[in-house]
Amino acid sequence: MKSANPEIDRQMAGTGKSSLIIPAIIMGTEHATVTKMVRATLRIKVIAVNNLDINKFFRRLEEENSKKRVIRREFYQKFVGKEETKITH
């Protein structure tokens, strides 16, 4: 496709001292670099979020287990502990 301005045609062809090829290569390189940086940042954030989720899961699991321990202890004290005291007397 021919442009109305011959200077643009010359720049697009990459001839002469100033052309659009070098800036386009630089912009493409910058874009690739920025894309890598953004992906790395997002990956780190996802890992951090996953770690927080895992941490929350283990805290909740510990709370549930501690409640179960209390229930087991109370059950043991009510029923099993009485039987042992009867046997030992």
Protein backbone atom coordinates (compact mmCIF):
# COMPACT_ATOMS: atom_id res chain seq x y z
CA MET A 1 0.00 0.00 0.00
CA LYS A 2 1.41 3.31 -1.07
CA SER A 3 1.23 6.30 1.24
CA ALA A 4 0.39 9.82 0.15
CA ASN A 5 3.61 11.04 1.74
CA PRO A 6 6.79 9.70 0.08
CA GLU A 7 8.75 10.27 3.32
CA ILE A 8 6.55 7.71 5.11
CA ASP A 9 7.12 5.21 2.28
CA ARG A 10 10.88 5.72 2.63
CA GLN A 11 10.74 5.28 6.40
CA MET A 12 8.59 2.16 6.15
CA ALA A 13 11.03 0.66 3.66
CA GLY A 14 13.88 1.26 6.09
CA THR A 15 16.01 3.31 3.74
CA GLY A 16 17.80 6.50 4.65
CA LYS A 17 19.11 7.77 7.96
CA SER A 18 15.81 7.73 9.82
CA SER A 19 13.46 4.80 9.44
CA LEU A 20 10.61 3.24 11.40
CA ILE A 21 12.25 -0.18 11.63
CA ILE A 22 14.68 0.59 14.47
CA PRO A 23 12.04 2.30 16.65
CA ALA A 24 9.66 -0.59 15.96
CA ILE A 25 12.31 -3.12 17.03
CA ILE A 26 13.01 -1.13 20.18
CA MET A 27 9.30 -0.85 20.97
CA GLY A 28 8.88 -4.60 20.40
CA THR A 29 11.80 -5.32 22.73
CA GLU A 30 10.41 -2.97 25.38
CA HIS A 31 7.01 -4.58 25.05
CA ALA A 32 8.49 -8.06 25.51
CA THR A 33 10.47 -6.91 28.54
CA VAL A 34 7.47 -5.24 30.15
CA THR A 35 5.34 -8.31 29.45
CA LYS A 36 7.90 -10.54 31.18
CA MET A 37 8.03 -8.20 34.17
CA VAL A 38 4.24 -8.06 34.48
CA ARG A 39 3.93 -11.83 34.22
CA ALA A 40 6.61 -12.31 36.88
CA THR A 41 4.88 -9.82 39.17
CA LEU A 42 1.52 -11.49 38.68
CA ARG A 43 3.07 -14.91 39.25
CA ILE A 44 4.59 -13.70 42.53
CA LYS A 45 1.25 -12.24 43.60
CA VAL A 46 -0.55 -15.47 42.73
CA ILE A 47 1.99 -17.47 44.72
CA ALA A 48 1.60 -15.07 47.64
CA VAL A 49 -2.19 -15.36 47.48
CA ASN A 50 -1.93 -19.14 47.29
CA ASN A 51 0.36 -19.14 50.33
CA LEU A 52 -2.14 -16.99 52.24
CA ASP A 53 -4.98 -19.32 51.27
CA ILE A 54 -2.98 -22.34 52.41
CA ASN A 55 -2.11 -20.55 55.64
CA LYS A 56 -5.78 -19.73 56.26
CA PHE A 57 -6.72 -23.34 55.50
CA PHE A 58 -4.24 -24.72 58.03
CA ARG A 59 -5.36 -22.23 60.67
CA ARG A 60 -8.98 -23.23 60.15
CA LEU A 61 -7.99 -26.90 60.23
CA GLU A 62 -6.12 -26.35 63.50
CA GLU A 63 -9.15 -24.60 65.01
CA GLU A 64 -11.42 -27.50 64.00
CA ASN A 65 -8.94 -30.03 65.41
CA SER A 66 -8.65 -28.14 68.67
CA LYS A 67 -12.46 -28.16 69.01
CA LYS A 68 -12.46 -31.91 68.36
CA ARG A 69 -9.75 -32.38 71.00
CA VAL A 70 -11.85 -30.52 73.55
CA ILE A 71 -14.88 -32.68 72.71
CA ARG A 72 -12.80 -35.86 72.97
CA ARG A 73 -11.32 -34.74 76.27
CA GLU A 74 -14.78 -33.98 77.69
CA PHE A 75 -16.09 -37.32 76.44
CA TYR A 76 -13.15 -39.12 77.97
CA GLN A 77 -13.60 -37.32 81.28
CA LYS A 78 -17.34 -38.07 81.39
CA PHE A 79 -17.39 -41.69 80.32
CA VAL A 80 -13.99 -43.31 80.08
CA GLY A 81 -12.52 -41.59 83.10
CA LYS A 82 -15.41 -42.76 85.32
CA GLU A 83 -14.98 -46.37 84.22
CA GLU A 84 -11.30 -46.26 85.05
CA THR A 85 -12.00 -44.80 88.46
CA LYS A 86 -14.55 -47.58 89.11
CA ILE A 87 -12.05 -50.24 88.10
CA THR A 88 -9.27 -48.82 90.23
CA HIS A 89 -11.44 -48.56 93.35
